[in-house]
Amino acid sequence: MFRSRLMILGGHRRALLAALLALTCAVPVVDRLLPPTIHLAPVLGLAPAAAAVHASPRRTVLIGALAVAALTIAGIERSALTTETVIVQLLSLVLLCALLAFFCHLRDRRERDLAWVRTVSEAAQRVVLHPLPERAGPVSLASAYHAADPDTHLGGDFYAVARTAHSTRVIIGDVRGKGLASIGQTAAMLESFRAAARQELPLLEMVSYLDGSALRGVGEFSRREADQDERFVTLAVAEIPDDEPLVRLILCGHPAPLLLHEGAVSALTVPDPAPPLGLGAVGGGSHVAKAFRYAPGDVLLLYTDGVSEARNAHGVFYPLARRIAAWSRSDPARLVARLEADLGTYVPGVLADDMAMVAVRREGSLVTSPSAPRAEW
């Protein structure tokens, strides 16, 4: 789709340049046929000005040179080339073309810089936020991610998947704050999760390990920030055993995931959710895992508040549970695609906050495996 749009845009640009060339060449011809009191010379300034909007500096200079030549020919035809009026028009047109070419050069340089920044941002996203696999153990997955800043591809939301010997673990979280501090702590949280997966830490110990990492990250990345005491990380952790029809869930100040079971949608609310990570002694409390039934064919949707708190033009929150009920029997990839498209239609303009979602479906029958390959994404 993106390539087809580029082809259409390129066709429009070529048509515009052809029209500008035709206009420039037509002015001396038409001007010769008009009465002496009517002059088309001012029209020639439109050609390089219009070319400067889309064309390169070289093409803008070419259109400008043709416009100057056309004005010169028109002056010769009227035997007025040496008059003050035509001389002023020529000098003004040359100056205009030079300024337009200079601005085209600045625009192209800025576009190249922006393209490079986006390329680096995409590379950073692939390094920090690994693409999720389509399959991990007994579950299939699909994800979507959008950063609030249109010039970057990574923000404060994150997700990751890891395989242990007998289960699949999925996390999704949201680092409070924006800018470099949130991105740095996002990277730190993801690396801590992958390190915990390699160490095969039990579920509760893994969350405590992530809590310590978040606390260190708050101090490291927010040392110079005025709102250091207000920084924290919300987190949802789901552990899906290979041989049991359930999911163990830990919520740390994060929105409750939704379970899609036989066409019905329900929120997996934990009775005593833990506070967000990174609060230290202020957070207090302990982490407790709550088990929910998760049978083959069920879909678990984990998401950040950028989805549930998205607003339409009237300020109404996005009705996530009601919207996905119509797609409850879709596979993860189709569910995420439909939800992403519907969210884009619901919200006017761009999303005001980072957004992430992960759909996880248990496939087939339960599997009993003595040892599954470990991996993390």
Protein backbone atom coordinates (compact mmCIF):
# COMPACT_ATOMS: atom_id res chain seq x y z
CA MET A 1 0.00 0.00 0.00
CA PHE A 2 2.80 2.41 0.89
CA ARG A 3 4.58 1.65 -2.38
CA SER A 4 1.39 2.24 -4.39
CA ARG A 5 0.91 5.59 -2.65
CA LEU A 6 4.45 6.59 -3.58
CA MET A 7 3.75 5.66 -7.21
CA ILE A 8 0.58 7.75 -7.23
CA LEU A 9 2.40 10.69 -5.63
CA GLY A 10 5.20 10.39 -8.18
CA GLY A 11 2.65 10.43 -11.02
CA HIS A 12 1.04 13.56 -9.62
CA ARG A 13 4.42 15.30 -9.37
CA ARG A 14 5.29 14.46 -12.97
CA ALA A 15 1.91 15.76 -14.13
CA LEU A 16 2.46 18.98 -12.17
CA LEU A 17 5.90 19.52 -13.69
CA ALA A 18 4.52 18.91 -17.19
CA ALA A 19 1.77 21.45 -16.57
CA LEU A 20 4.27 24.02 -15.30
CA LEU A 21 6.50 23.51 -18.33
CA ALA A 22 3.52 23.92 -20.64
CA LEU A 23 2.45 27.09 -18.82
CA THR A 24 5.93 28.59 -19.03
CA CYS A 25 6.26 27.85 -22.74
CA ALA A 26 2.75 29.12 -23.50
CA VAL A 27 3.22 32.55 -21.93
CA PRO A 28 5.42 34.07 -24.72
CA VAL A 29 3.12 32.63 -27.40
CA VAL A 30 -0.10 33.86 -25.85
CA ASP A 31 1.43 37.19 -24.80
CA ARG A 32 2.27 37.93 -28.43
CA LEU A 33 -1.39 37.57 -29.41
CA LEU A 34 -2.75 39.81 -26.67
CA PRO A 35 -3.30 43.58 -26.90
CA PRO A 36 -0.35 45.79 -25.85
CA THR A 37 -2.12 46.75 -22.61
CA ILE A 38 -2.32 43.15 -21.37
CA HIS A 39 0.84 41.43 -20.10
CA LEU A 40 1.21 37.85 -18.81
CA ALA A 41 4.69 38.35 -17.38
CA PRO A 42 3.55 38.16 -13.70
CA VAL A 43 2.12 34.69 -14.40
CA LEU A 44 5.65 33.35 -14.96
CA GLY A 45 6.45 33.68 -11.25
CA LEU A 46 3.80 31.04 -10.47
CA ALA A 47 5.72 28.27 -12.25
CA PRO A 48 8.88 28.18 -10.07
CA ALA A 49 6.82 28.89 -6.94
CA ALA A 50 4.58 25.89 -7.61
CA ALA A 51 7.56 23.73 -8.55
CA ALA A 52 9.28 24.55 -5.25
CA VAL A 53 6.47 22.85 -3.32
CA HIS A 54 7.24 19.34 -4.57
CA ALA A 55 10.17 19.44 -7.00
CA SER A 56 13.87 19.13 -6.24
CA PRO A 57 16.15 22.21 -6.19
CA ARG A 58 17.54 21.23 -9.60
CA ARG A 59 14.11 21.02 -11.20
CA THR A 60 13.04 24.22 -9.52
CA VAL A 61 16.07 25.98 -11.01
CA LEU A 62 15.21 24.50 -14.42
CA ILE A 63 11.63 25.78 -14.25
CA GLY A 64 12.91 29.15 -13.07
CA ALA A 65 15.43 29.38 -15.93
CA LEU A 66 12.68 28.60 -18.43
CA ALA A 67 10.50 31.27 -16.84
CA VAL A 68 13.31 33.84 -17.17
CA ALA A 69 13.83 32.79 -20.81
CA ALA A 70 10.10 33.07 -21.47
CA LEU A 71 10.00 36.57 -19.98
CA THR A 72 13.00 37.56 -22.10
CA ILE A 73 11.32 36.27 -25.27
CA ALA A 74 8.13 38.09 -24.38
CA GLY A 75 10.10 41.31 -23.89
CA ILE A 76 11.83 40.89 -27.25
CA GLU A 77 8.52 40.26 -29.01
CA ARG A 78 7.11 43.51 -27.62
CA SER A 79 10.37 45.39 -28.29
CA ALA A 80 10.46 46.26 -24.60
CA LEU A 81 13.38 44.19 -23.35
CA THR A 82 15.45 47.24 -22.35
CA THR A 83 12.62 49.10 -20.64
CA GLU A 84 12.74 49.63 -16.91
CA THR A 85 9.57 47.57 -16.38
CA VAL A 86 10.91 44.44 -18.08
CA ILE A 87 14.34 44.79 -16.48
CA VAL A 88 12.76 45.01 -13.01
CA GLN A 89 10.57 42.01 -13.81
CA LEU A 90 13.58 39.99 -14.94
CA LEU A 91 15.65 40.83 -11.86
CA SER A 92 12.72 40.09 -9.57
CA LEU A 93 12.10 36.75 -11.26
CA VAL A 94 15.79 35.76 -11.02
CA LEU A 95 15.86 36.68 -7.32
CA LEU A 96 12.63 34.78 -6.68
CA CYS A 97 13.99 31.67 -8.41
CA ALA A 98 17.23 31.82 -6.42
CA LEU A 99 15.36 32.10 -3.11
CA LEU A 100 13.00 29.26 -4.04
CA ALA A 101 15.93 27.02 -4.98
CA PHE A 102 17.62 27.80 -1.65
CA PHE A 103 14.47 26.96 0.31
CA CYS A 104 14.11 23.72 -1.68
CA HIS A 105 17.64 22.81 -0.67
CA LEU A 106 16.86 23.45 3.00
CA ARG A 107 13.64 21.44 2.76
CA ASP A 108 15.37 18.46 1.14
CA ARG A 109 18.14 18.51 3.73
CA ARG A 110 15.58 18.52 6.54
CA GLU A 111 13.69 15.65 4.91
CA ARG A 112 16.91 13.64 4.64
CA ASP A 113 17.70 14.31 8.29
CA LEU A 114 14.16 13.31 9.30
CA ALA A 115 14.37 10.14 7.21
CA TRP A 116 17.64 9.25 8.93
CA VAL A 117 16.14 9.88 12.37
CA ARG A 118 13.19 7.63 11.51
CA THR A 119 15.55 4.94 10.24
CA VAL A 120 17.52 5.05 13.49
CA SER A 121 14.27 5.04 15.46
CA GLU A 122 13.03 1.96 13.59
CA ALA A 123 16.34 0.21 14.25
CA ALA A 124 16.15 1.13 17.94
CA GLN A 125 12.62 -0.25 18.14
CA ARG A 126 13.70 -3.56 16.63
CA VAL A 127 16.61 -3.79 19.08
CA VAL A 128 14.66 -2.77 22.20
CA LEU A 129 11.13 -3.92 21.39
CA HIS A 130 11.63 -7.25 19.66
CA PRO A 131 8.95 -8.33 17.16
CA LEU A 132 6.80 -11.01 18.78
CA PRO A 133 6.73 -14.49 17.23
CA GLU A 134 3.52 -15.79 15.68
CA ARG A 135 3.78 -18.85 17.91
CA ALA A 136 5.34 -19.44 21.33
CA GLY A 137 4.71 -22.85 22.85
CA PRO A 138 0.97 -23.60 22.92
CA VAL A 139 -0.14 -20.04 22.10
CA SER A 140 -0.29 -17.87 18.99
CA LEU A 141 0.32 -14.14 19.28
CA ALA A 142 -0.18 -10.84 17.48
CA SER A 143 0.68 -7.33 18.57
CA ALA A 144 0.34 -3.66 17.64
CA TYR A 145 2.33 -0.65 18.78
CA HIS A 146 2.12 3.10 18.17
CA ALA A 147 4.21 5.82 19.79
CA ALA A 148 2.49 9.11 20.56
CA ASP A 149 5.34 11.04 18.97
CA PRO A 150 4.89 10.68 15.17
CA ASP A 151 8.65 11.11 14.58
CA THR A 152 9.64 8.16 16.76
CA HIS A 153 8.76 4.47 16.85
CA LEU A 154 9.37 3.82 20.53
CA GLY A 155 7.79 5.34 23.61
CA GLY A 156 6.91 4.41 27.17
CA ASP A 157 4.75 1.35 26.37
CA PHE A 158 6.35 -2.05 25.99
CA TYR A 159 5.62 -5.77 25.69
CA ALA A 160 7.64 -8.97 25.53
CA VAL A 161 7.28 -12.75 25.49
CA ALA A 162 9.51 -15.44 27.00
CA ARG A 163 9.45 -19.22 26.99
CA THR A 164 10.38 -21.15 30.10
CA ALA A 165 10.70 -24.92 30.40
CA HIS A 166 6.96 -25.47 30.97
CA SER A 167 5.17 -22.18 30.24
CA THR A 168 4.92 -19.02 28.18
CA ARG A 169 5.17 -15.63 29.87
CA VAL A 170 3.80 -12.43 28.40
CA ILE A 171 4.26 -8.96 29.85
CA ILE A 172 2.91 -5.58 28.86
CA GLY A 173 3.63 -2.32 30.64
CA ASP A 174 3.60 1.44 30.58
CA VAL A 175 6.38 3.69 31.84
CA ARG A 176 4.94 6.92 33.15
CA GLY A 177 6.46 9.94 31.47
CA LYS A 178 7.57 10.93 28.01
CA GLY A 179 10.79 11.62 26.19
CA LEU A 180 14.21 10.04 26.64
CA ALA A 181 13.63 9.14 30.28
CA SER A 182 10.67 6.90 29.46
CA ILE A 183 12.45 5.27 26.50
CA GLY A 184 15.53 4.53 28.60
CA GLN A 185 13.48 2.94 31.35
CA THR A 186 11.48 0.98 28.76
CA ALA A 187 14.72 -0.55 27.50
CA ALA A 188 15.82 -1.30 31.08
CA MET A 189 12.54 -3.05 31.91
CA LEU A 190 12.64 -5.21 28.79
CA GLU A 191 16.24 -6.25 29.36
CA SER A 192 15.43 -7.11 33.00
CA PHE A 193 12.54 -9.30 31.86
CA ARG A 194 14.75 -11.14 29.38
CA ALA A 195 17.45 -11.58 32.02
CA ALA A 196 14.87 -13.01 34.44
CA ALA A 197 13.67 -15.38 31.72
CA ARG A 198 17.21 -16.65 31.14
CA GLN A 199 17.58 -17.24 34.87
CA GLU A 200 14.29 -19.20 34.99
CA LEU A 201 13.12 -17.22 38.02
CA PRO A 202 9.76 -18.28 39.49
CA LEU A 203 6.89 -15.99 38.56
CA LEU A 204 6.69 -14.03 41.83
CA GLU A 205 10.47 -13.68 42.07
CA MET A 206 10.55 -12.42 38.48
CA VAL A 207 8.05 -9.65 39.27
CA SER A 208 10.03 -8.67 42.37
CA TYR A 209 13.16 -8.58 40.22
CA LEU A 210 11.37 -6.28 37.74
CA ASP A 211 10.21 -4.09 40.62
CA GLY A 212 13.81 -3.62 41.74
CA SER A 213 14.86 -2.86 38.19
CA ALA A 214 12.10 -0.26 37.86
CA LEU A 215 13.17 1.36 41.13
CA ARG A 216 16.78 1.60 39.93
CA GLY A 217 15.60 2.92 36.58
CA VAL A 218 13.58 5.68 38.20
CA GLY A 219 16.69 6.90 39.98
CA GLU A 220 18.99 6.53 36.99
CA PHE A 221 16.85 7.97 34.19
CA SER A 222 14.92 10.54 36.20
CA ARG A 223 17.72 11.98 38.35
CA ARG A 224 17.47 15.35 36.65
CA GLU A 225 13.71 15.31 36.14
CA ALA A 226 11.47 17.49 38.28
CA ASP A 227 8.83 14.74 38.63
CA GLN A 228 11.17 11.97 39.77
CA ASP A 229 8.90 11.06 42.70
CA GLU A 230 5.95 10.60 40.33
CA ARG A 231 7.65 8.15 37.97
CA PHE A 232 6.58 4.51 38.01
CA VAL A 233 5.85 1.55 35.74
CA THR A 234 2.51 -0.22 35.41
CA LEU A 235 2.79 -3.89 34.48
CA ALA A 236 0.64 -6.90 33.62
CA VAL A 237 2.24 -10.36 33.68
CA ALA A 238 0.55 -13.46 32.28
CA GLU A 239 2.00 -16.95 32.71
CA ILE A 240 0.41 -19.67 30.57
CA PRO A 241 1.34 -23.23 31.57
CA ASP A 242 1.72 -25.74 28.76
CA ASP A 243 -0.27 -28.50 30.51
CA GLU A 244 -2.97 -26.63 32.45
CA PRO A 245 -6.07 -24.80 31.07
CA LEU A 246 -5.38 -21.60 32.99
CA VAL A 247 -3.45 -18.36 33.01
CA ARG A 248 -1.75 -16.92 36.08
CA LEU A 249 -2.03 -13.16 36.18
CA ILE A 250 -0.25 -10.46 38.18
CA LEU A 251 -1.34 -6.83 37.84
CA CYS A 252 0.78 -3.95 39.10
CA GLY A 253 -1.35 -0.87 38.59
CA HIS A 254 -2.15 -1.96 35.01
CA PRO A 255 -5.52 -2.25 33.25
CA ALA A 256 -7.10 -5.69 33.57
CA PRO A 257 -6.70 -7.88 30.46
CA LEU A 258 -9.79 -9.05 28.60
CA LEU A 259 -10.63 -12.73 28.05
CA LEU A 260 -12.56 -13.75 24.95
CA HIS A 261 -14.28 -17.09 25.58
CA GLU A 262 -16.90 -18.57 23.25
CA GLY A 263 -18.07 -15.16 22.04
CA ALA A 264 -18.18 -13.57 25.50
CA VAL A 265 -15.82 -10.86 26.78
CA SER A 266 -14.85 -10.56 30.44
CA ALA A 267 -12.25 -8.53 32.32
CA LEU A 268 -9.77 -10.56 34.36
CA THR A 269 -9.85 -8.41 37.47
CA VAL A 270 -7.44 -9.29 40.25
CA PRO A 271 -9.01 -8.80 43.73
CA ASP A 272 -5.92 -7.18 45.30
CA PRO A 273 -3.72 -5.78 42.51
CA ALA A 274 -0.24 -4.67 43.44
CA PRO A 275 0.81 -1.02 43.06
CA PRO A 276 2.91 0.07 40.07
CA LEU A 277 6.57 -0.87 40.01
CA GLY A 278 9.30 1.57 41.00
CA LEU A 279 7.55 3.17 43.97
CA GLY A 280 9.82 1.55 46.57
CA ALA A 281 8.60 1.88 50.13
CA VAL A 282 5.71 4.05 48.92
CA GLY A 283 4.29 1.12 46.93
CA GLY A 284 4.46 -1.46 49.69
CA GLY A 285 2.36 -4.60 49.39
CA SER A 286 3.31 -7.90 47.79
CA HIS A 287 2.74 -9.57 44.45
CA VAL A 288 0.08 -12.28 44.27
CA ALA A 289 -0.73 -14.35 41.19
CA LYS A 290 -4.40 -15.01 40.42
CA ALA A 291 -5.33 -18.00 38.25
CA PHE A 292 -8.11 -17.82 35.64
CA ARG A 293 -9.47 -20.52 33.35
CA TYR A 294 -7.88 -20.29 29.90
CA ALA A 295 -9.06 -23.09 27.62
CA PRO A 296 -7.99 -23.92 24.07
CA GLY A 297 -9.51 -21.38 21.68
CA ASP A 298 -9.67 -18.60 24.29
CA VAL A 299 -8.04 -15.28 23.45
CA LEU A 300 -6.36 -13.06 26.03
CA LEU A 301 -6.02 -9.38 25.13
CA LEU A 302 -3.43 -7.37 27.04
CA TYR A 303 -3.30 -3.62 26.38
CA THR A 304 -2.12 -0.29 27.76
CA ASP A 305 -4.23 2.69 28.76
CA GLY A 306 -3.45 4.29 25.42
CA VAL A 307 -6.14 1.95 24.06
CA SER A 308 -8.77 2.05 26.82
CA GLU A 309 -8.41 5.79 27.46
CA ALA A 310 -8.42 6.92 23.84
CA ARG A 311 -11.15 9.52 23.29
CA ASN A 312 -13.32 10.47 20.36
CA ALA A 313 -14.19 14.02 19.29
CA HIS A 314 -16.74 14.26 22.14
CA GLY A 315 -14.26 13.18 24.82
CA VAL A 316 -15.82 9.71 25.29
CA PHE A 317 -13.45 6.85 26.13
CA TYR A 318 -13.04 4.06 23.62
CA PRO A 319 -15.49 1.21 24.53
CA LEU A 320 -12.90 -1.53 24.19
CA ALA A 321 -14.86 -4.46 25.64
CA ARG A 322 -17.97 -3.67 23.61
CA ARG A 323 -16.04 -3.22 20.37
CA ILE A 324 -14.06 -6.45 20.51
CA ALA A 325 -17.15 -8.51 21.35
CA ALA A 326 -18.01 -8.46 17.64
CA TRP A 327 -14.59 -9.95 16.79
CA SER A 328 -14.27 -12.36 19.71
CA ARG A 329 -13.95 -15.39 17.41
CA SER A 330 -11.18 -13.85 15.28
CA ASP A 331 -7.62 -15.13 15.35
CA PRO A 332 -5.07 -12.88 17.13
CA ALA A 333 -3.70 -11.24 13.98
CA ARG A 334 -7.14 -10.37 12.63
CA LEU A 335 -8.37 -9.23 16.04
CA VAL A 336 -5.45 -6.85 16.50
CA ALA A 337 -5.76 -5.53 12.94
CA ARG A 338 -9.49 -4.85 13.30
CA LEU A 339 -9.03 -3.27 16.71
CA GLU A 340 -6.21 -1.06 15.46
CA ALA A 341 -8.25 0.10 12.45
CA ASP A 342 -11.34 0.74 14.57
CA LEU A 343 -9.32 2.72 17.09
CA GLY A 344 -7.90 4.88 14.30
CA THR A 345 -11.43 5.61 13.10
CA TYR A 346 -12.71 6.34 16.61
CA VAL A 347 -10.01 8.84 17.56
CA PRO A 348 -9.79 12.06 15.54
CA GLY A 349 -6.27 12.74 14.33
CA VAL A 350 -3.38 10.93 16.02
CA LEU A 351 -3.39 9.16 19.37
CA ALA A 352 -2.46 11.42 22.28
CA ASP A 353 -0.67 8.63 24.16
CA ASP A 354 1.48 5.60 23.40
CA MET A 355 -0.55 2.50 22.57
CA ALA A 356 0.32 -1.20 22.77
CA MET A 357 -1.72 -4.39 22.65
CA VAL A 358 -1.00 -8.11 22.52
CA ALA A 359 -3.55 -10.82 21.64
CA VAL A 360 -2.73 -14.35 22.83
CA ARG A 361 -4.76 -17.44 21.88
CA ARG A 362 -4.24 -20.92 23.28
CA GLU A 363 -4.14 -23.34 20.40
CA GLY A 364 -5.22 -26.98 20.18
CA SER A 365 -5.22 -29.31 23.16
CA LEU A 366 -3.14 -29.13 26.29
CA VAL A 367 0.49 -30.21 25.91
CA THR A 368 2.58 -32.04 28.47
CA SER A 369 6.25 -31.48 27.76
CA PRO A 370 9.13 -32.37 30.11
CA SER A 371 11.29 -29.61 28.73
CA ALA A 372 10.53 -26.93 26.12
CA PRO A 373 13.15 -24.74 24.45
CA ARG A 374 13.67 -21.43 26.25
CA ALA A 375 13.58 -18.16 24.34
CA GLU A 376 12.61 -14.55 24.80
CA TRP A 377 11.33 -11.82 22.50
